[in-house]
Amino acid sequence: MSSPVDSPSDTELITRVLLRDDRRAFGVLVSRHQSAVRGLLRRLTGGDLAQADDLAQETFLRAYRGLSGYRGGAKFSSWLYRIACNVFFSRDRGSRLAAPEPPPPELEAGASDVSLPDALLERYDLERALASLKPRERAALVLTYANELTHEEAAVILDCPLGTLKTHVARAKEKLRRQLEEVP
């Protein structure tokens, strides 16, 4: 069993894939980054796990096919996030995210005899509020807060000027603040 010190870097794995078509090396890259990519997509899809998984699969397929286009200027994870956001935006343009999913049965009206943890209620309210944002606002907010990227990194991923990214974040925060204040 190898230790993390012995583990090849992303750059070494990418080189193996490109030079030898080493699919195991790509599998290591997927294993290393799939959780973060799925988490990003789960937030972008308003908590829709099935859609997030589909989009993550598409992200990694596009990454494999386009790996020769990775230039190494940004972290590999940032490059994957950019692909994931583009996959999300492409799917969103085609389907227009509908209204957020209906609340789980335990949150439905009349289920007041059920005691739910505040964390579940807050998470549902936040996911519903995030789903109501414009896709680019949602992506800007998720990248900068949930994924803890700098505004500069998020602007590169979303391929927009830094000022535009900051505007998306500010608008998203204001919309979320208003929506979450309205929650009873």
N, C-alpha and C. Protein backbone atom coordinates (compact mmCIF):
# COMPACT_ATOMS: atom_id res chain seq x y z
N MET A 1 0.85 -1.18 0.00
CA MET A 1 0.00 0.00 0.00
C MET A 1 0.89 1.24 0.00
N SER A 2 0.61 2.18 -0.89
CA SER A 2 1.47 3.35 -0.99
C SER A 2 0.98 4.45 -0.08
N SER A 3 1.92 5.22 0.40
CA SER A 3 1.57 6.35 1.25
C SER A 3 1.27 7.54 0.37
N PRO A 4 0.61 8.58 0.92
CA PRO A 4 0.31 9.77 0.13
C PRO A 4 1.56 10.40 -0.47
N VAL A 5 2.70 10.25 0.20
CA VAL A 5 3.95 10.81 -0.31
C VAL A 5 4.33 10.10 -1.61
N ASP A 6 4.05 8.78 -1.69
CA ASP A 6 4.38 8.00 -2.87
C ASP A 6 3.35 8.16 -3.98
N SER A 7 2.25 8.75 -3.68
CA SER A 7 1.17 8.90 -4.64
C SER A 7 1.57 9.89 -5.74
N PRO A 8 1.35 9.50 -6.99
CA PRO A 8 1.73 10.40 -8.09
C PRO A 8 0.88 11.68 -8.08
N SER A 9 1.47 12.77 -8.53
CA SER A 9 0.76 14.04 -8.62
C SER A 9 -0.24 13.99 -9.77
N ASP A 10 -1.14 14.94 -9.79
CA ASP A 10 -2.09 15.03 -10.90
C ASP A 10 -1.33 15.17 -12.22
N THR A 11 -0.27 15.96 -12.23
CA THR A 11 0.51 16.17 -13.45
C THR A 11 1.13 14.87 -13.94
N GLU A 12 1.65 14.07 -13.02
CA GLU A 12 2.23 12.78 -13.41
C GLU A 12 1.15 11.85 -13.98
N LEU A 13 -0.01 11.85 -13.35
CA LEU A 13 -1.10 11.00 -13.84
C LEU A 13 -1.58 11.45 -15.22
N ILE A 14 -1.70 12.75 -15.41
CA ILE A 14 -2.12 13.29 -16.70
C ILE A 14 -1.12 12.91 -17.78
N THR A 15 0.16 13.00 -17.46
CA THR A 15 1.21 12.61 -18.42
C THR A 15 1.06 11.15 -18.81
N ARG A 16 0.81 10.28 -17.83
CA ARG A 16 0.61 8.85 -18.12
C ARG A 16 -0.57 8.63 -19.05
N VAL A 17 -1.66 9.36 -18.81
CA VAL A 17 -2.84 9.21 -19.66
C VAL A 17 -2.52 9.65 -21.07
N LEU A 18 -1.87 10.80 -21.20
CA LEU A 18 -1.60 11.35 -22.53
C LEU A 18 -0.56 10.56 -23.30
N LEU A 19 0.49 10.09 -22.64
CA LEU A 19 1.57 9.39 -23.34
C LEU A 19 1.29 7.91 -23.56
N ARG A 20 0.58 7.29 -22.60
CA ARG A 20 0.41 5.83 -22.68
C ARG A 20 -1.05 5.40 -22.71
N ASP A 21 -1.96 6.38 -22.78
CA ASP A 21 -3.39 6.09 -22.70
C ASP A 21 -3.68 5.21 -21.48
N ASP A 22 -3.07 5.58 -20.35
CA ASP A 22 -3.16 4.82 -19.11
C ASP A 22 -4.50 5.14 -18.44
N ARG A 23 -5.45 4.26 -18.64
CA ARG A 23 -6.80 4.49 -18.10
C ARG A 23 -6.85 4.33 -16.59
N ARG A 24 -5.96 3.54 -16.06
CA ARG A 24 -5.90 3.43 -14.60
C ARG A 24 -5.47 4.76 -13.99
N ALA A 25 -4.55 5.44 -14.63
CA ALA A 25 -4.12 6.75 -14.14
C ALA A 25 -5.30 7.73 -14.18
N PHE A 26 -6.08 7.65 -15.23
CA PHE A 26 -7.26 8.53 -15.28
C PHE A 26 -8.25 8.14 -14.19
N GLY A 27 -8.37 6.85 -13.92
CA GLY A 27 -9.23 6.39 -12.83
C GLY A 27 -8.81 6.96 -11.49
N VAL A 28 -7.49 7.08 -11.28
CA VAL A 28 -6.99 7.69 -10.04
C VAL A 28 -7.39 9.16 -9.99
N LEU A 29 -7.27 9.85 -11.12
CA LEU A 29 -7.69 11.26 -11.18
C LEU A 29 -9.18 11.39 -10.85
N VAL A 30 -9.98 10.51 -11.41
CA VAL A 30 -11.42 10.55 -11.14
C VAL A 30 -11.67 10.31 -9.66
N SER A 31 -11.05 9.28 -9.12
CA SER A 31 -11.24 8.98 -7.69
C SER A 31 -10.83 10.15 -6.81
N ARG A 32 -9.76 10.80 -7.19
CA ARG A 32 -9.22 11.90 -6.41
C ARG A 32 -10.14 13.13 -6.44
N HIS A 33 -10.84 13.36 -7.55
CA HIS A 33 -11.59 14.61 -7.73
C HIS A 33 -13.10 14.44 -7.82
N GLN A 34 -13.59 13.21 -7.86
CA GLN A 34 -15.03 13.03 -8.10
C GLN A 34 -15.90 13.59 -6.98
N SER A 35 -15.46 13.48 -5.76
CA SER A 35 -16.28 13.97 -4.65
C SER A 35 -16.47 15.48 -4.75
N ALA A 36 -15.41 16.21 -5.04
CA ALA A 36 -15.50 17.66 -5.15
C ALA A 36 -16.36 18.07 -6.35
N VAL A 37 -16.19 17.37 -7.47
CA VAL A 37 -16.98 17.70 -8.67
C VAL A 37 -18.45 17.39 -8.43
N ARG A 38 -18.74 16.24 -7.84
CA ARG A 38 -20.14 15.90 -7.54
C ARG A 38 -20.74 16.88 -6.55
N GLY A 39 -19.97 17.29 -5.55
CA GLY A 39 -20.46 18.27 -4.57
C GLY A 39 -20.80 19.59 -5.22
N LEU A 40 -19.93 20.06 -6.10
CA LEU A 40 -20.20 21.29 -6.84
C LEU A 40 -21.49 21.15 -7.65
N LEU A 41 -21.62 20.07 -8.38
CA LEU A 41 -22.78 19.87 -9.23
C LEU A 41 -24.05 19.65 -8.42
N ARG A 42 -23.93 19.00 -7.27
CA ARG A 42 -25.10 18.83 -6.40
C ARG A 42 -25.63 20.20 -5.97
N ARG A 43 -24.73 21.08 -5.60
CA ARG A 43 -25.16 22.42 -5.21
C ARG A 43 -25.74 23.19 -6.38
N LEU A 44 -25.12 23.04 -7.55
CA LEU A 44 -25.62 23.76 -8.73
C LEU A 44 -27.00 23.26 -9.16
N THR A 45 -27.26 21.98 -8.94
CA THR A 45 -28.56 21.41 -9.36
C THR A 45 -29.61 21.48 -8.26
N GLY A 46 -29.33 22.21 -7.21
CA GLY A 46 -30.31 22.35 -6.14
C GLY A 46 -30.52 21.08 -5.34
N GLY A 47 -29.48 20.26 -5.23
CA GLY A 47 -29.56 19.05 -4.43
C GLY A 47 -30.06 17.84 -5.18
N ASP A 48 -30.22 17.93 -6.49
CA ASP A 48 -30.69 16.81 -7.30
C ASP A 48 -29.52 15.84 -7.51
N LEU A 49 -29.47 14.80 -6.67
CA LEU A 49 -28.33 13.87 -6.70
C LEU A 49 -28.21 13.12 -8.02
N ALA A 50 -29.33 12.70 -8.57
CA ALA A 50 -29.30 11.95 -9.84
C ALA A 50 -28.77 12.83 -10.96
N GLN A 51 -29.25 14.06 -11.03
CA GLN A 51 -28.77 14.96 -12.07
C GLN A 51 -27.29 15.31 -11.84
N ALA A 52 -26.91 15.53 -10.60
CA ALA A 52 -25.51 15.82 -10.30
C ALA A 52 -24.61 14.66 -10.72
N ASP A 53 -25.04 13.43 -10.47
CA ASP A 53 -24.25 12.26 -10.88
C ASP A 53 -24.14 12.18 -12.40
N ASP A 54 -25.25 12.43 -13.10
CA ASP A 54 -25.21 12.42 -14.57
C ASP A 54 -24.25 13.48 -15.09
N LEU A 55 -24.32 14.67 -14.52
CA LEU A 55 -23.47 15.77 -14.96
C LEU A 55 -22.00 15.49 -14.62
N ALA A 56 -21.76 14.86 -13.48
CA ALA A 56 -20.38 14.51 -13.11
C ALA A 56 -19.81 13.49 -14.09
N GLN A 57 -20.63 12.51 -14.47
CA GLN A 57 -20.18 11.52 -15.45
C GLN A 57 -19.83 12.21 -16.77
N GLU A 58 -20.69 13.12 -17.21
CA GLU A 58 -20.42 13.87 -18.44
C GLU A 58 -19.17 14.72 -18.29
N THR A 59 -18.97 15.31 -17.12
CA THR A 59 -17.78 16.11 -16.87
C THR A 59 -16.52 15.28 -17.06
N PHE A 60 -16.48 14.09 -16.47
CA PHE A 60 -15.28 13.27 -16.56
C PHE A 60 -15.08 12.70 -17.97
N LEU A 61 -16.17 12.44 -18.68
CA LEU A 61 -16.03 12.01 -20.08
C LEU A 61 -15.41 13.13 -20.92
N ARG A 62 -15.90 14.35 -20.73
CA ARG A 62 -15.34 15.49 -21.46
C ARG A 62 -13.89 15.74 -21.06
N ALA A 63 -13.61 15.57 -19.78
CA ALA A 63 -12.23 15.77 -19.31
C ALA A 63 -11.30 14.75 -19.97
N TYR A 64 -11.72 13.50 -20.03
CA TYR A 64 -10.89 12.46 -20.65
C TYR A 64 -10.65 12.78 -22.12
N ARG A 65 -11.74 13.12 -22.81
CA ARG A 65 -11.62 13.42 -24.25
C ARG A 65 -10.79 14.67 -24.51
N GLY A 66 -10.84 15.63 -23.60
CA GLY A 66 -10.15 16.90 -23.82
C GLY A 66 -8.89 17.08 -23.01
N LEU A 67 -8.38 16.00 -22.43
CA LEU A 67 -7.24 16.10 -21.53
C LEU A 67 -6.03 16.73 -22.22
N SER A 68 -5.87 16.52 -23.50
CA SER A 68 -4.72 17.12 -24.20
C SER A 68 -4.83 18.65 -24.22
N GLY A 69 -6.04 19.18 -23.96
CA GLY A 69 -6.23 20.63 -23.91
C GLY A 69 -5.88 21.24 -22.57
N TYR A 70 -5.62 20.41 -21.56
CA TYR A 70 -5.24 20.94 -20.25
C TYR A 70 -3.79 21.41 -20.33
N ARG A 71 -3.59 22.69 -20.05
CA ARG A 71 -2.27 23.29 -20.21
C ARG A 71 -1.49 23.42 -18.91
N GLY A 72 -2.12 23.12 -17.79
CA GLY A 72 -1.41 23.17 -16.53
C GLY A 72 -1.27 24.56 -15.93
N GLY A 73 -1.87 25.57 -16.53
CA GLY A 73 -1.78 26.92 -16.00
C GLY A 73 -2.56 27.07 -14.70
N ALA A 74 -3.64 26.33 -14.57
CA ALA A 74 -4.47 26.35 -13.36
C ALA A 74 -4.40 24.96 -12.73
N LYS A 75 -4.86 24.87 -11.50
CA LYS A 75 -4.93 23.57 -10.85
C LYS A 75 -5.85 22.66 -11.68
N PHE A 76 -5.56 21.38 -11.67
CA PHE A 76 -6.39 20.42 -12.40
C PHE A 76 -7.82 20.47 -11.89
N SER A 77 -8.00 20.63 -10.58
CA SER A 77 -9.36 20.70 -10.03
C SER A 77 -10.11 21.91 -10.58
N SER A 78 -9.44 23.02 -10.77
CA SER A 78 -10.09 24.20 -11.35
C SER A 78 -10.51 23.94 -12.79
N TRP A 79 -9.65 23.24 -13.52
CA TRP A 79 -9.98 22.88 -14.89
C TRP A 79 -11.22 21.98 -14.93
N LEU A 80 -11.28 21.03 -14.00
CA LEU A 80 -12.46 20.15 -13.90
C LEU A 80 -13.71 20.95 -13.52
N TYR A 81 -13.57 21.90 -12.58
CA TYR A 81 -14.72 22.72 -12.19
C TYR A 81 -15.25 23.51 -13.39
N ARG A 82 -14.34 23.99 -14.22
CA ARG A 82 -14.77 24.74 -15.41
C ARG A 82 -15.57 23.84 -16.35
N ILE A 83 -15.09 22.63 -16.55
CA ILE A 83 -15.83 21.68 -17.39
C ILE A 83 -17.18 21.39 -16.75
N ALA A 84 -17.20 21.15 -15.44
CA ALA A 84 -18.45 20.84 -14.74
C ALA A 84 -19.45 21.99 -14.87
N CYS A 85 -18.98 23.22 -14.71
CA CYS A 85 -19.87 24.37 -14.86
C CYS A 85 -20.39 24.47 -16.28
N ASN A 86 -19.53 24.24 -17.27
CA ASN A 86 -19.98 24.28 -18.65
C ASN A 86 -21.01 23.19 -18.96
N VAL A 87 -20.79 22.00 -18.41
CA VAL A 87 -21.76 20.91 -18.57
C VAL A 87 -23.09 21.32 -17.94
N PHE A 88 -23.02 21.89 -16.74
CA PHE A 88 -24.24 22.35 -16.06
C PHE A 88 -24.95 23.43 -16.87
N PHE A 89 -24.21 24.42 -17.34
CA PHE A 89 -24.83 25.50 -18.11
C PHE A 89 -25.44 24.97 -19.40
N SER A 90 -24.77 24.02 -20.05
CA SER A 90 -25.31 23.43 -21.28
C SER A 90 -26.61 22.69 -20.99
N ARG A 91 -26.63 21.91 -19.94
CA ARG A 91 -27.83 21.15 -19.57
C ARG A 91 -28.94 22.11 -19.15
N ASP A 92 -28.56 23.16 -18.41
CA ASP A 92 -29.53 24.13 -17.93
C ASP A 92 -30.19 24.87 -19.10
N ARG A 93 -29.39 25.24 -20.10
CA ARG A 93 -29.95 25.92 -21.28
C ARG A 93 -30.98 25.04 -21.98
N GLY A 94 -30.70 23.74 -22.01
CA GLY A 94 -31.60 22.82 -22.69
C GLY A 94 -32.85 22.50 -21.91
N SER A 95 -32.78 22.56 -20.60
CA SER A 95 -33.92 22.10 -19.82
C SER A 95 -34.53 23.17 -18.93
N ARG A 96 -33.81 24.29 -18.75
CA ARG A 96 -34.28 25.31 -17.80
C ARG A 96 -34.68 24.65 -16.51
N LEU A 97 -33.90 24.80 -15.50
CA LEU A 97 -34.23 24.19 -14.22
C LEU A 97 -35.62 24.62 -13.80
N ALA A 98 -36.41 23.65 -13.52
CA ALA A 98 -37.78 23.92 -13.09
C ALA A 98 -37.75 24.42 -11.66
N ALA A 99 -38.93 24.69 -11.15
CA ALA A 99 -39.03 25.10 -9.76
C ALA A 99 -38.39 24.02 -8.91
N PRO A 100 -37.89 24.40 -7.76
CA PRO A 100 -37.24 23.39 -6.93
C PRO A 100 -38.17 22.24 -6.62
N GLU A 101 -37.57 21.11 -6.34
CA GLU A 101 -38.34 19.92 -6.01
C GLU A 101 -39.30 20.22 -4.87
N PRO A 102 -40.44 19.54 -4.86
CA PRO A 102 -41.36 19.75 -3.74
C PRO A 102 -40.69 19.30 -2.45
N PRO A 103 -41.16 19.86 -1.34
CA PRO A 103 -40.53 19.49 -0.09
C PRO A 103 -40.71 18.01 0.21
N PRO A 104 -39.79 17.44 0.96
CA PRO A 104 -39.97 16.05 1.35
C PRO A 104 -41.26 15.92 2.15
N PRO A 105 -41.89 14.73 2.14
CA PRO A 105 -43.17 14.56 2.82
C PRO A 105 -43.18 15.06 4.26
N GLU A 106 -42.06 14.89 4.96
CA GLU A 106 -42.04 15.31 6.35
C GLU A 106 -42.08 16.83 6.51
N LEU A 107 -41.84 17.58 5.40
CA LEU A 107 -41.92 19.04 5.46
C LEU A 107 -43.24 19.57 4.93
N GLU A 108 -44.06 18.70 4.38
CA GLU A 108 -45.35 19.10 3.82
C GLU A 108 -46.25 19.67 4.91
N ALA A 109 -47.19 20.51 4.49
CA ALA A 109 -48.17 21.05 5.43
C ALA A 109 -48.93 19.89 6.05
N GLY A 110 -49.24 19.99 7.30
CA GLY A 110 -49.99 18.94 7.98
C GLY A 110 -49.10 17.91 8.63
N ALA A 111 -47.82 18.01 8.41
CA ALA A 111 -46.90 17.04 9.02
C ALA A 111 -46.25 17.66 10.25
N SER A 112 -46.95 18.55 10.90
CA SER A 112 -46.37 19.28 12.02
C SER A 112 -46.11 18.39 13.23
N ASP A 113 -46.67 17.19 13.24
CA ASP A 113 -46.43 16.31 14.37
C ASP A 113 -45.05 15.66 14.26
N VAL A 114 -44.40 15.81 13.12
CA VAL A 114 -43.07 15.24 12.93
C VAL A 114 -42.04 16.26 13.39
N SER A 115 -41.12 15.83 14.21
CA SER A 115 -40.08 16.72 14.70
C SER A 115 -38.84 16.51 13.83
N LEU A 116 -38.42 17.58 13.17
CA LEU A 116 -37.25 17.49 12.31
C LEU A 116 -36.13 18.35 12.87
N PRO A 117 -34.91 17.92 12.66
CA PRO A 117 -33.79 18.73 13.10
C PRO A 117 -33.77 20.05 12.32
N ASP A 118 -33.41 21.11 13.02
CA ASP A 118 -33.32 22.42 12.37
C ASP A 118 -32.38 22.39 11.17
N ALA A 119 -31.31 21.59 11.25
CA ALA A 119 -30.34 21.52 10.17
C ALA A 119 -30.99 21.04 8.87
N LEU A 120 -31.92 20.06 8.96
CA LEU A 120 -32.61 19.57 7.77
C LEU A 120 -33.48 20.66 7.18
N LEU A 121 -34.20 21.35 8.02
CA LEU A 121 -35.06 22.44 7.54
C LEU A 121 -34.23 23.54 6.90
N GLU A 122 -33.13 23.92 7.53
CA GLU A 122 -32.27 24.98 7.00
C GLU A 122 -31.64 24.56 5.68
N ARG A 123 -31.19 23.30 5.58
CA ARG A 123 -30.58 22.83 4.34
C ARG A 123 -31.59 22.85 3.20
N TYR A 124 -32.83 22.41 3.50
CA TYR A 124 -33.85 22.43 2.46
C TYR A 124 -34.13 23.86 2.02
N ASP A 125 -34.28 24.78 2.96
CA ASP A 125 -34.54 26.18 2.63
C ASP A 125 -33.40 26.75 1.79
N LEU A 126 -32.16 26.45 2.16
CA LEU A 126 -31.02 26.97 1.43
C LEU A 126 -30.97 26.38 0.02
N GLU A 127 -31.18 25.06 -0.12
CA GLU A 127 -31.17 24.45 -1.45
C GLU A 127 -32.26 25.04 -2.33
N ARG A 128 -33.44 25.25 -1.74
CA ARG A 128 -34.54 25.84 -2.50
C ARG A 128 -34.19 27.27 -2.92
N ALA A 129 -33.59 28.02 -2.03
CA ALA A 129 -33.20 29.39 -2.35
C ALA A 129 -32.10 29.40 -3.42
N LEU A 130 -31.11 28.51 -3.29
CA LEU A 130 -30.06 28.43 -4.30
C LEU A 130 -30.62 28.08 -5.67
N ALA A 131 -31.59 27.16 -5.71
CA ALA A 131 -32.17 26.73 -6.98
C ALA A 131 -32.90 27.87 -7.69
N SER A 132 -33.31 28.88 -6.94
CA SER A 132 -34.04 29.98 -7.56
C SER A 132 -33.12 31.03 -8.19
N LEU A 133 -31.82 30.94 -7.91
CA LEU A 133 -30.87 31.89 -8.48
C LEU A 133 -30.63 31.60 -9.95
N LYS A 134 -30.20 32.61 -10.68
CA LYS A 134 -29.78 32.39 -12.07
C LYS A 134 -28.56 31.47 -12.03
N PRO A 135 -28.40 30.62 -13.04
CA PRO A 135 -27.31 29.64 -13.02
C PRO A 135 -25.93 30.22 -12.76
N ARG A 136 -25.60 31.34 -13.38
CA ARG A 136 -24.26 31.91 -13.19
C ARG A 136 -24.10 32.53 -11.80
N GLU A 137 -25.18 33.08 -11.26
CA GLU A 137 -25.13 33.58 -9.88
C GLU A 137 -24.90 32.43 -8.91
N ARG A 138 -25.64 31.36 -9.13
CA ARG A 138 -25.52 30.18 -8.27
C ARG A 138 -24.10 29.62 -8.34
N ALA A 139 -23.57 29.50 -9.56
CA ALA A 139 -22.22 28.96 -9.73
C ALA A 139 -21.18 29.86 -9.06
N ALA A 140 -21.32 31.17 -9.21
CA ALA A 140 -20.37 32.10 -8.59
C ALA A 140 -20.39 31.96 -7.07
N LEU A 141 -21.57 31.87 -6.51
CA LEU A 141 -21.70 31.75 -5.07
C LEU A 141 -21.17 30.41 -4.56
N VAL A 142 -21.51 29.34 -5.24
CA VAL A 142 -21.06 28.01 -4.82
C VAL A 142 -19.54 27.90 -4.91
N LEU A 143 -18.97 28.39 -6.00
CA LEU A 143 -17.52 28.29 -6.16
C LEU A 143 -16.78 29.09 -5.09
N THR A 144 -17.28 30.29 -4.79
CA THR A 144 -16.56 31.15 -3.83
C THR A 144 -16.82 30.79 -2.38
N TYR A 145 -18.01 30.31 -2.06
CA TYR A 145 -18.30 30.00 -0.66
C TYR A 145 -18.19 28.51 -0.36
N ALA A 146 -18.91 27.69 -1.08
CA ALA A 146 -18.89 26.25 -0.77
C ALA A 146 -17.55 25.63 -1.14
N ASN A 147 -16.98 26.03 -2.27
CA ASN A 147 -15.71 25.46 -2.71
C ASN A 147 -14.51 26.30 -2.26
N GLU A 148 -14.79 27.41 -1.61
CA GLU A 148 -13.77 28.27 -1.01
C GLU A 148 -12.68 28.71 -1.99
N LEU A 149 -13.10 29.02 -3.21
CA LEU A 149 -12.15 29.55 -4.19
C LEU A 149 -12.11 31.07 -4.08
N THR A 150 -11.02 31.66 -4.51
CA THR A 150 -10.96 33.11 -4.54
C THR A 150 -11.84 33.62 -5.67
N HIS A 151 -12.17 34.91 -5.61
CA HIS A 151 -12.94 35.49 -6.70
C HIS A 151 -12.19 35.35 -8.03
N GLU A 152 -10.89 35.49 -7.97
CA GLU A 152 -10.08 35.39 -9.19
C GLU A 152 -10.17 33.98 -9.79
N GLU A 153 -10.04 32.96 -8.92
CA GLU A 153 -10.14 31.57 -9.40
C GLU A 153 -11.52 31.29 -9.97
N ALA A 154 -12.57 31.74 -9.29
CA ALA A 154 -13.93 31.51 -9.77
C ALA A 154 -14.18 32.22 -11.10
N ALA A 155 -13.62 33.42 -11.25
CA ALA A 155 -13.78 34.16 -12.51
C ALA A 155 -13.14 33.39 -13.67
N VAL A 156 -11.98 32.79 -13.42
CA VAL A 156 -11.32 31.99 -14.46
C VAL A 156 -12.18 30.77 -14.81
N ILE A 157 -12.69 30.09 -13.80
CA ILE A 157 -13.51 28.91 -14.03
C ILE A 157 -14.76 29.26 -14.83
N LEU A 158 -15.39 30.38 -14.48
CA LEU A 158 -16.63 30.78 -15.17
C LEU A 158 -16.36 31.58 -16.43
N ASP A 159 -15.08 31.81 -16.73
CA ASP A 159 -14.67 32.53 -17.94
C ASP A 159 -15.38 33.88 -18.03
N CYS A 160 -15.27 34.65 -16.96
CA CYS A 160 -15.87 35.97 -16.95
C CYS A 160 -14.92 36.94 -16.27
N PRO A 161 -15.08 38.24 -16.53
CA PRO A 161 -14.23 39.22 -15.86
C PRO A 161 -14.45 39.19 -14.34
N LEU A 162 -13.44 39.57 -13.60
CA LEU A 162 -13.51 39.57 -12.15
C LEU A 162 -14.67 40.42 -11.65
N GLY A 163 -14.89 41.58 -12.25
CA GLY A 163 -15.99 42.45 -11.85
C GLY A 163 -17.35 41.79 -12.04
N THR A 164 -17.49 41.05 -13.11
CA THR A 164 -18.75 40.33 -13.38
C THR A 164 -18.97 39.26 -12.32
N LEU A 165 -17.90 38.54 -12.00
CA LEU A 165 -18.00 37.51 -10.96
C LEU A 165 -18.44 38.13 -9.64
N LYS A 166 -17.84 39.23 -9.27
CA LYS A 166 -18.19 39.90 -8.01
C LYS A 166 -19.65 40.36 -8.03
N THR A 167 -20.11 40.83 -9.19
CA THR A 167 -21.51 41.23 -9.33
C THR A 167 -22.43 40.03 -9.14
N HIS A 168 -22.09 38.90 -9.75
CA HIS A 168 -22.89 37.68 -9.59
C HIS A 168 -22.97 37.28 -8.12
N VAL A 169 -21.84 37.33 -7.42
CA VAL A 169 -21.81 36.95 -6.01
C VAL A 169 -22.66 37.90 -5.18
N ALA A 170 -22.51 39.20 -5.42
CA ALA A 170 -23.27 40.19 -4.64
C ALA A 170 -24.77 40.04 -4.88
N ARG A 171 -25.16 39.86 -6.13
CA ARG A 171 -26.60 39.68 -6.44
C ARG A 171 -27.14 38.40 -5.81
N ALA A 172 -26.37 37.34 -5.90
CA ALA A 172 -26.80 36.06 -5.34
C ALA A 172 -26.97 36.17 -3.82
N LYS A 173 -26.01 36.78 -3.16
CA LYS A 173 -26.10 36.94 -1.70
C LYS A 173 -27.33 37.76 -1.32
N GLU A 174 -27.60 38.83 -2.06
CA GLU A 174 -28.76 39.67 -1.75
C GLU A 174 -30.06 38.90 -1.97
N LYS A 175 -30.14 38.16 -3.06
CA LYS A 175 -31.35 37.37 -3.33
C LYS A 175 -31.55 36.30 -2.25
N LEU A 176 -30.47 35.63 -1.87
CA LEU A 176 -30.58 34.61 -0.82
C LEU A 176 -31.01 35.24 0.50
N ARG A 177 -30.40 36.38 0.83
CA ARG A 177 -30.76 37.05 2.08
C ARG A 177 -32.26 37.36 2.10
N ARG A 178 -32.78 37.92 1.01
CA ARG A 178 -34.21 38.25 0.95
C ARG A 178 -35.08 36.99 1.05
N GLN A 179 -34.71 35.96 0.31
CA GLN A 179 -35.52 34.73 0.33
C GLN A 179 -35.50 34.06 1.70
N LEU A 180 -34.34 33.98 2.30
CA LEU A 180 -34.24 33.29 3.60
C LEU A 180 -34.89 34.10 4.72
N GLU A 181 -34.97 35.42 4.56
CA GLU A 181 -35.70 36.24 5.55
C GLU A 181 -37.19 35.97 5.48
N GLU A 182 -37.69 35.58 4.31
CA GLU A 182 -39.12 35.32 4.11
C GLU A 182 -39.55 33.97 4.67
N VAL A 183 -38.58 33.06 4.90
CA VAL A 183 -38.92 31.71 5.39
C VAL A 183 -39.50 31.85 6.79
N PRO A 184 -40.68 31.22 7.01
CA PRO A 184 -41.30 31.34 8.33
C PRO A 184 -40.50 30.69 9.43
